C-alpha atoms as a PDB file:
ATOM      1  CA  UNK A   1       5.683  16.823   6.270  1.00  0.00           C
ATOM      2  CA  UNK A   2       3.696  18.504   3.574  1.00  0.00           C
ATOM      3  CA  UNK A   3       1.699  16.912   0.779  1.00  0.00           C
ATOM      4  CA  UNK A   4       4.263  18.227  -1.711  1.00  0.00           C
ATOM      5  CA  UNK A   5       7.148  16.681   0.243  1.00  0.00           C
ATOM      6  CA  UNK A   6       5.344  13.339   0.449  1.00  0.00           C
ATOM      7  CA  UNK A   7       3.926  13.460  -3.101  1.00  0.00           C
ATOM      8  CA  UNK A   8       0.620  12.097  -1.910  1.00  0.00           C
ATOM      9  CA  UNK A   9      -1.801  10.980  -4.586  1.00  0.00           C
ATOM     10  CA  UNK A  10      -5.066   9.043  -4.395  1.00  0.00           C
ATOM     11  CA  UNK A  11      -4.239   5.342  -4.553  1.00  0.00           C
ATOM     12  CA  UNK A  12      -0.752   5.638  -3.078  1.00  0.00           C
ATOM     13  CA  UNK A  13       0.322   3.541  -0.111  1.00  0.00           C
ATOM     14  CA  UNK A  14       1.844   5.281   2.892  1.00  0.00           C
ATOM     15  CA  UNK A  15       3.277   4.212   6.233  1.00  0.00           C
ATOM     16  CA  UNK A  16       1.359   5.516   9.239  1.00  0.00           C
ATOM     17  CA  UNK A  17       3.344   6.020  12.455  1.00  0.00           C
ATOM     18  CA  UNK A  18       2.453   4.045  15.561  1.00  0.00           C
ATOM     19  CA  UNK A  19       0.026   5.802  17.915  1.00  0.00           C
ATOM     20  CA  UNK A  20      -1.720   4.775  21.130  1.00  0.00           C
ATOM     21  CA  UNK A  21      -1.821   0.948  20.970  1.00  0.00           C
ATOM     22  CA  UNK A  22      -1.779   0.824  17.152  1.00  0.00           C
ATOM     23  CA  UNK A  23       1.536  -0.249  15.574  1.00  0.00           C
ATOM     24  CA  UNK A  24       3.075   1.330  12.475  1.00  0.00           C
ATOM     25  CA  UNK A  25       1.112   0.151   9.432  1.00  0.00           C
ATOM     26  CA  UNK A  26       0.516   0.586   5.702  1.00  0.00           C
ATOM     27  CA  UNK A  27      -2.481   2.624   4.547  1.00  0.00           C
ATOM     28  CA  UNK A  28      -3.952   3.167   1.061  1.00  0.00           C
ATOM     29  CA  UNK A  29      -4.942   6.784   0.439  1.00  0.00           C
ATOM     30  CA  UNK A  30      -8.332   7.459  -1.150  1.00  0.00           C
ATOM     31  CA  UNK A  31      -8.607  11.230  -0.649  1.00  0.00           C
ATOM     32  CA  UNK A  32      -6.271  13.983   0.545  1.00  0.00           C
ATOM     33  CA  UNK A  33      -7.827  16.652   2.761  1.00  0.00           C
ATOM     34  CA  UNK A  34      -6.348  19.746   4.431  1.00  0.00           C
ATOM     35  CA  UNK A  35      -5.273  18.002   7.641  1.00  0.00           C
ATOM     36  CA  UNK A  36      -5.728  14.280   6.984  1.00  0.00           C
ATOM     37  CA  UNK A  37      -6.100  11.568   4.392  1.00  0.00           C
ATOM     38  CA  UNK A  38      -8.951   9.101   4.041  1.00  0.00           C
ATOM     39  CA  UNK A  39      -8.598   5.485   3.036  1.00  0.00           C
ATOM     40  CA  UNK A  40      -8.148   1.899   4.129  1.00  0.00           C
ATOM     41  CA  UNK A  41      -5.617   0.304   6.484  1.00  0.00           C
ATOM     42  CA  UNK A  42      -3.750  -2.435   4.615  1.00  0.00           C
ATOM     43  CA  UNK A  43      -1.847  -3.979   7.534  1.00  0.00           C
ATOM     44  CA  UNK A  44      -2.037  -4.012  11.305  1.00  0.00           C
ATOM     45  CA  UNK A  45      -4.963  -4.624  13.639  1.00  0.00           C
ATOM     46  CA  UNK A  46      -7.312  -2.427  11.574  1.00  0.00           C
ATOM     47  CA  UNK A  47      -6.477  -3.986   8.179  1.00  0.00           C
ATOM     48  CA  UNK A  48      -9.474  -3.522   5.902  1.00  0.00           C
ATOM     49  CA  UNK A  49     -10.974  -0.733   8.006  1.00  0.00           C
ATOM     50  CA  UNK A  50     -11.646   2.825   6.863  1.00  0.00           C
ATOM     51  CA  UNK A  51      -9.673   5.573   8.578  1.00  0.00           C
ATOM     52  CA  UNK A  52      -8.763   9.263   8.526  1.00  0.00           C
ATOM     53  CA  UNK A  53      -5.194   9.591   9.843  1.00  0.00           C
ATOM     54  CA  UNK A  54      -3.711  13.056  10.264  1.00  0.00           C
ATOM     55  CA  UNK A  55      -1.056  14.112   7.757  1.00  0.00           C
ATOM     56  CA  UNK A  56       1.424  14.398  10.644  1.00  0.00           C
ATOM     57  CA  UNK A  57       1.212  10.609  11.178  1.00  0.00           C
ATOM     58  CA  UNK A  58       2.419   9.807   7.648  1.00  0.00           C
ATOM     59  CA  UNK A  59       6.055   8.714   7.768  1.00  0.00           C
ATOM     60  CA  UNK A  60       6.647   8.043   4.064  1.00  0.00           C
ATOM     61  CA  UNK A  61       5.095   7.056   0.753  1.00  0.00           C
ATOM     62  CA  UNK A  62       5.967   3.450  -0.125  1.00  0.00           C
ATOM     63  CA  UNK A  63       4.264   3.159  -3.503  1.00  0.00           C
ATOM     64  CA  UNK A  64       2.446   5.284  -6.036  1.00  0.00           C
ATOM     65  CA  UNK A  65      -0.591   3.984  -7.886  1.00  0.00           C
END
């Protein structure tokens, strides 16, 4: 999916697909880069931790801020 398709904006909450041993989880976007977003995991085993998931892992936007 592209940024335009997802309508990513700083502060929005997205759903990150499950990968490795990490389940699907919500993630708050701080910055949008060419191939990833930066921000904080809101749910799941890394809740509260900083991360840089690839754009390809974003399933959908669940809220805009």
